[in-house]
């Protein structure tokens, strides 16, 4: 398992990425303190977003205060953002 920590607003948030998500080669997953209240984990949001954009590479995953993950993807020479609902997993 890969263990990581991200310093955000003076608070260190730590988490564990399951082995299945390690193959995504995520450079950064940002967590907030209350990420546990959502059924969709950051690593799951990354997989959902990546699956919605064929051939993409995940660059960043961030949980917004609205309860939606903003997943930044690179496709070829372009960067795009996919929004994944942290409660339902729906792509918006």
N, C-alpha and C. Protein backbone atom coordinates (compact mmCIF):
# COMPACT_ATOMS: atom_id res chain seq x y z
N UNK A 1 0.83 -1.18 0.00
CA UNK A 1 0.00 0.00 0.00
C UNK A 1 0.87 1.24 0.00
N UNK A 2 0.36 2.28 -0.61
CA UNK A 2 1.05 3.56 -0.68
C UNK A 2 0.42 4.48 0.34
N UNK A 3 1.21 5.04 1.23
CA UNK A 3 0.71 5.96 2.25
C UNK A 3 1.21 7.35 1.88
N UNK A 4 0.35 8.33 1.98
CA UNK A 4 0.75 9.68 1.62
C UNK A 4 0.20 10.69 2.60
N UNK A 5 0.77 11.86 2.59
CA UNK A 5 0.29 12.98 3.41
C UNK A 5 0.36 14.25 2.60
N UNK A 6 -0.62 15.11 2.72
CA UNK A 6 -0.65 16.36 2.00
C UNK A 6 -0.91 17.47 3.00
N UNK A 7 -0.12 18.50 2.97
CA UNK A 7 -0.31 19.64 3.87
C UNK A 7 -1.24 20.63 3.21
N UNK A 8 -2.39 20.84 3.82
CA UNK A 8 -3.38 21.76 3.28
C UNK A 8 -3.85 22.68 4.39
N UNK A 9 -3.72 23.97 4.17
CA UNK A 9 -4.20 24.97 5.13
C UNK A 9 -3.70 24.68 6.54
N UNK A 10 -2.46 24.24 6.64
CA UNK A 10 -1.88 23.99 7.96
C UNK A 10 -2.31 22.70 8.61
N UNK A 11 -3.10 21.86 7.92
CA UNK A 11 -3.57 20.60 8.47
C UNK A 11 -2.99 19.47 7.62
N UNK A 12 -2.34 18.52 8.24
CA UNK A 12 -1.80 17.39 7.51
C UNK A 12 -2.88 16.33 7.40
N UNK A 13 -3.25 16.00 6.19
CA UNK A 13 -4.25 14.96 5.94
C UNK A 13 -3.51 13.75 5.40
N UNK A 14 -3.70 12.61 6.01
CA UNK A 14 -3.03 11.38 5.58
C UNK A 14 -4.05 10.37 5.12
N UNK A 15 -3.62 9.52 4.23
CA UNK A 15 -4.52 8.49 3.74
C UNK A 15 -3.74 7.36 3.12
N UNK A 16 -4.46 6.35 2.72
CA UNK A 16 -3.87 5.18 2.10
C UNK A 16 -4.54 4.96 0.76
N UNK A 17 -3.74 4.76 -0.27
CA UNK A 17 -4.26 4.48 -1.60
C UNK A 17 -4.23 2.98 -1.81
N UNK A 18 -5.37 2.36 -2.14
CA UNK A 18 -5.38 0.92 -2.37
C UNK A 18 -4.46 0.54 -3.53
N UNK A 19 -3.96 -0.68 -3.50
CA UNK A 19 -3.03 -1.14 -4.53
C UNK A 19 -3.61 -0.97 -5.93
N UNK A 20 -4.92 -1.16 -6.09
CA UNK A 20 -5.54 -1.03 -7.41
C UNK A 20 -5.42 0.38 -7.96
N UNK A 21 -5.40 1.37 -7.10
CA UNK A 21 -5.30 2.76 -7.55
C UNK A 21 -3.86 3.17 -7.80
N UNK A 22 -2.89 2.43 -7.25
CA UNK A 22 -1.50 2.78 -7.44
C UNK A 22 -1.11 2.69 -8.91
N UNK A 23 -1.76 1.84 -9.67
CA UNK A 23 -1.43 1.68 -11.07
C UNK A 23 -1.81 2.92 -11.89
N UNK A 24 -2.59 3.83 -11.31
CA UNK A 24 -2.95 5.07 -12.00
C UNK A 24 -1.78 6.04 -12.05
N UNK A 25 -0.77 5.84 -11.22
CA UNK A 25 0.38 6.74 -11.13
C UNK A 25 -0.07 8.15 -10.83
N UNK A 26 -0.87 8.30 -9.81
CA UNK A 26 -1.38 9.61 -9.43
C UNK A 26 -0.27 10.45 -8.81
N UNK A 27 0.00 11.61 -9.36
CA UNK A 27 1.03 12.45 -8.78
C UNK A 27 0.59 13.10 -7.48
N UNK A 28 -0.71 13.36 -7.32
CA UNK A 28 -1.17 13.99 -6.10
C UNK A 28 -2.66 13.73 -5.91
N UNK A 29 -3.03 13.32 -4.71
CA UNK A 29 -4.43 13.26 -4.31
C UNK A 29 -4.55 14.13 -3.09
N UNK A 30 -5.36 15.15 -3.17
CA UNK A 30 -5.52 16.06 -2.05
C UNK A 30 -6.74 15.63 -1.25
N UNK A 31 -6.57 15.49 0.05
CA UNK A 31 -7.68 15.12 0.92
C UNK A 31 -8.03 16.27 1.84
N UNK A 32 -9.27 16.31 2.26
CA UNK A 32 -9.70 17.23 3.29
C UNK A 32 -10.10 16.40 4.49
N UNK A 33 -10.23 17.03 5.63
CA UNK A 33 -10.49 16.30 6.87
C UNK A 33 -11.74 15.44 6.83
N UNK A 34 -12.79 15.88 6.14
CA UNK A 34 -14.06 15.17 6.18
C UNK A 34 -14.29 14.25 4.98
N UNK A 35 -13.24 13.84 4.29
CA UNK A 35 -13.40 12.99 3.12
C UNK A 35 -14.09 11.67 3.47
N UNK A 36 -13.98 11.22 4.72
CA UNK A 36 -14.60 9.98 5.16
C UNK A 36 -16.11 9.99 5.17
N UNK A 37 -16.72 11.16 5.09
CA UNK A 37 -18.18 11.22 5.11
C UNK A 37 -18.79 10.87 3.76
N UNK A 38 -17.98 10.72 2.74
CA UNK A 38 -18.48 10.42 1.40
C UNK A 38 -18.20 8.97 1.03
N UNK A 39 -19.16 8.30 0.36
CA UNK A 39 -18.95 6.91 -0.01
C UNK A 39 -17.93 6.72 -1.14
N UNK A 40 -17.68 7.75 -1.93
CA UNK A 40 -16.72 7.67 -3.03
C UNK A 40 -15.37 8.21 -2.54
N UNK A 41 -14.34 7.36 -2.58
CA UNK A 41 -12.99 7.75 -2.15
C UNK A 41 -12.30 8.51 -3.30
N UNK A 42 -11.26 9.29 -2.98
CA UNK A 42 -10.53 10.01 -4.04
C UNK A 42 -10.00 9.08 -5.12
N UNK A 43 -9.50 7.91 -4.73
CA UNK A 43 -8.96 6.97 -5.71
C UNK A 43 -10.08 6.44 -6.63
N UNK A 44 -11.28 6.26 -6.08
CA UNK A 44 -12.42 5.82 -6.89
C UNK A 44 -12.84 6.92 -7.86
N UNK A 45 -12.83 8.17 -7.39
CA UNK A 45 -13.17 9.30 -8.26
C UNK A 45 -12.19 9.39 -9.42
N UNK A 46 -10.91 9.12 -9.14
CA UNK A 46 -9.89 9.14 -10.20
C UNK A 46 -10.18 8.09 -11.26
N UNK A 47 -10.55 6.88 -10.84
CA UNK A 47 -10.86 5.80 -11.78
C UNK A 47 -12.11 6.14 -12.59
N UNK A 48 -13.13 6.67 -11.93
CA UNK A 48 -14.38 7.04 -12.62
C UNK A 48 -14.09 8.09 -13.68
N UNK A 49 -13.34 9.13 -13.32
CA UNK A 49 -13.02 10.21 -14.26
C UNK A 49 -12.18 9.69 -15.42
N UNK A 50 -11.16 8.88 -15.10
CA UNK A 50 -10.28 8.33 -16.14
C UNK A 50 -11.07 7.46 -17.11
N UNK A 51 -12.00 6.68 -16.60
CA UNK A 51 -12.83 5.83 -17.46
C UNK A 51 -13.75 6.64 -18.36
N UNK A 52 -14.11 7.86 -17.92
CA UNK A 52 -15.02 8.68 -18.72
C UNK A 52 -14.30 9.42 -19.85
N UNK A 53 -12.97 9.45 -19.81
CA UNK A 53 -12.18 10.11 -20.85
C UNK A 53 -11.12 9.12 -21.34
N UNK A 54 -11.42 8.35 -22.37
CA UNK A 54 -10.50 7.32 -22.86
C UNK A 54 -9.11 7.91 -23.20
N UNK A 55 -8.08 7.18 -22.80
CA UNK A 55 -6.71 7.58 -23.11
C UNK A 55 -6.15 8.67 -22.22
N UNK A 56 -6.87 9.00 -21.15
CA UNK A 56 -6.43 10.09 -20.28
C UNK A 56 -5.52 9.60 -19.17
N UNK A 57 -4.81 10.55 -18.58
CA UNK A 57 -3.93 10.30 -17.43
C UNK A 57 -4.36 11.25 -16.31
N UNK A 58 -4.53 10.72 -15.10
CA UNK A 58 -4.95 11.54 -13.96
C UNK A 58 -3.78 12.38 -13.47
N UNK A 59 -3.99 13.68 -13.35
CA UNK A 59 -2.97 14.58 -12.84
C UNK A 59 -3.22 14.99 -11.40
N UNK A 60 -4.50 15.14 -11.02
CA UNK A 60 -4.83 15.66 -9.70
C UNK A 60 -6.27 15.31 -9.35
N UNK A 61 -6.53 15.09 -8.07
CA UNK A 61 -7.87 14.86 -7.55
C UNK A 61 -8.05 15.76 -6.34
N UNK A 62 -9.11 16.57 -6.34
CA UNK A 62 -9.34 17.48 -5.22
C UNK A 62 -10.82 17.45 -4.85
N UNK A 63 -11.10 17.29 -3.54
CA UNK A 63 -12.48 17.33 -3.07
C UNK A 63 -12.85 18.78 -2.79
N UNK A 64 -13.86 19.26 -3.49
CA UNK A 64 -14.33 20.63 -3.31
C UNK A 64 -15.32 20.70 -2.15
N UNK A 65 -15.49 21.86 -1.55
CA UNK A 65 -16.43 22.01 -0.43
C UNK A 65 -17.86 21.60 -0.78
N UNK A 66 -18.19 21.61 -2.06
CA UNK A 66 -19.55 21.24 -2.49
C UNK A 66 -19.79 19.73 -2.48
N UNK A 67 -18.76 18.93 -2.16
CA UNK A 67 -18.92 17.48 -2.15
C UNK A 67 -18.74 16.86 -3.52
N UNK A 68 -17.97 17.53 -4.36
CA UNK A 68 -17.68 17.06 -5.71
C UNK A 68 -16.17 17.00 -5.86
N UNK A 69 -15.67 15.91 -6.44
CA UNK A 69 -14.24 15.81 -6.74
C UNK A 69 -13.97 16.48 -8.08
N UNK A 70 -12.97 17.35 -8.13
CA UNK A 70 -12.48 17.92 -9.37
C UNK A 70 -11.27 17.09 -9.76
N UNK A 71 -11.39 16.33 -10.83
CA UNK A 71 -10.32 15.45 -11.28
C UNK A 71 -9.71 16.06 -12.55
N UNK A 72 -8.44 16.39 -12.47
CA UNK A 72 -7.73 16.98 -13.60
C UNK A 72 -7.06 15.86 -14.39
N UNK A 73 -7.34 15.84 -15.70
CA UNK A 73 -6.84 14.79 -16.58
C UNK A 73 -6.03 15.39 -17.73
N UNK A 74 -5.06 14.64 -18.19
CA UNK A 74 -4.30 15.03 -19.38
C UNK A 74 -4.66 14.06 -20.49
N UNK A 75 -5.03 14.60 -21.64
CA UNK A 75 -5.37 13.79 -22.81
C UNK A 75 -4.57 14.34 -23.97
N UNK A 76 -3.59 13.56 -24.41
CA UNK A 76 -2.71 14.07 -25.46
C UNK A 76 -2.00 15.32 -24.96
N UNK A 77 -2.15 16.42 -25.65
CA UNK A 77 -1.54 17.68 -25.24
C UNK A 77 -2.49 18.60 -24.50
N UNK A 78 -3.68 18.12 -24.17
CA UNK A 78 -4.69 18.95 -23.51
C UNK A 78 -4.90 18.53 -22.06
N UNK A 79 -5.32 19.49 -21.26
CA UNK A 79 -5.70 19.22 -19.87
C UNK A 79 -7.18 19.53 -19.74
N UNK A 80 -7.91 18.62 -19.10
CA UNK A 80 -9.35 18.81 -18.90
C UNK A 80 -9.71 18.46 -17.47
N UNK A 81 -10.85 18.91 -17.02
CA UNK A 81 -11.30 18.62 -15.67
C UNK A 81 -12.65 17.93 -15.73
N UNK A 82 -12.77 16.85 -14.95
CA UNK A 82 -14.03 16.10 -14.84
C UNK A 82 -14.48 16.20 -13.39
N UNK A 83 -15.75 16.47 -13.21
CA UNK A 83 -16.32 16.57 -11.88
C UNK A 83 -17.04 15.26 -11.55
N UNK A 84 -16.70 14.69 -10.36
CA UNK A 84 -17.29 13.42 -9.93
C UNK A 84 -17.96 13.65 -8.58
N UNK A 85 -19.26 13.37 -8.51
CA UNK A 85 -20.01 13.54 -7.28
C UNK A 85 -19.48 12.57 -6.22
N UNK A 86 -19.10 13.08 -5.05
CA UNK A 86 -18.51 12.26 -3.99
C UNK A 86 -19.52 11.37 -3.29
N UNK A 87 -20.80 11.61 -3.52
CA UNK A 87 -21.85 10.78 -2.90
C UNK A 87 -22.32 9.69 -3.85
N UNK A 88 -22.55 10.04 -5.11
CA UNK A 88 -23.11 9.08 -6.06
C UNK A 88 -22.10 8.52 -7.07
N UNK A 89 -21.01 9.22 -7.27
CA UNK A 89 -20.04 8.80 -8.29
C UNK A 89 -20.41 9.26 -9.68
N UNK A 90 -21.49 10.03 -9.79
CA UNK A 90 -21.93 10.52 -11.10
C UNK A 90 -20.94 11.54 -11.67
N UNK A 91 -20.70 11.47 -12.96
CA UNK A 91 -19.83 12.41 -13.65
C UNK A 91 -20.68 13.58 -14.10
N UNK A 92 -20.22 14.79 -13.78
CA UNK A 92 -20.97 15.98 -14.20
C UNK A 92 -20.10 16.89 -15.04
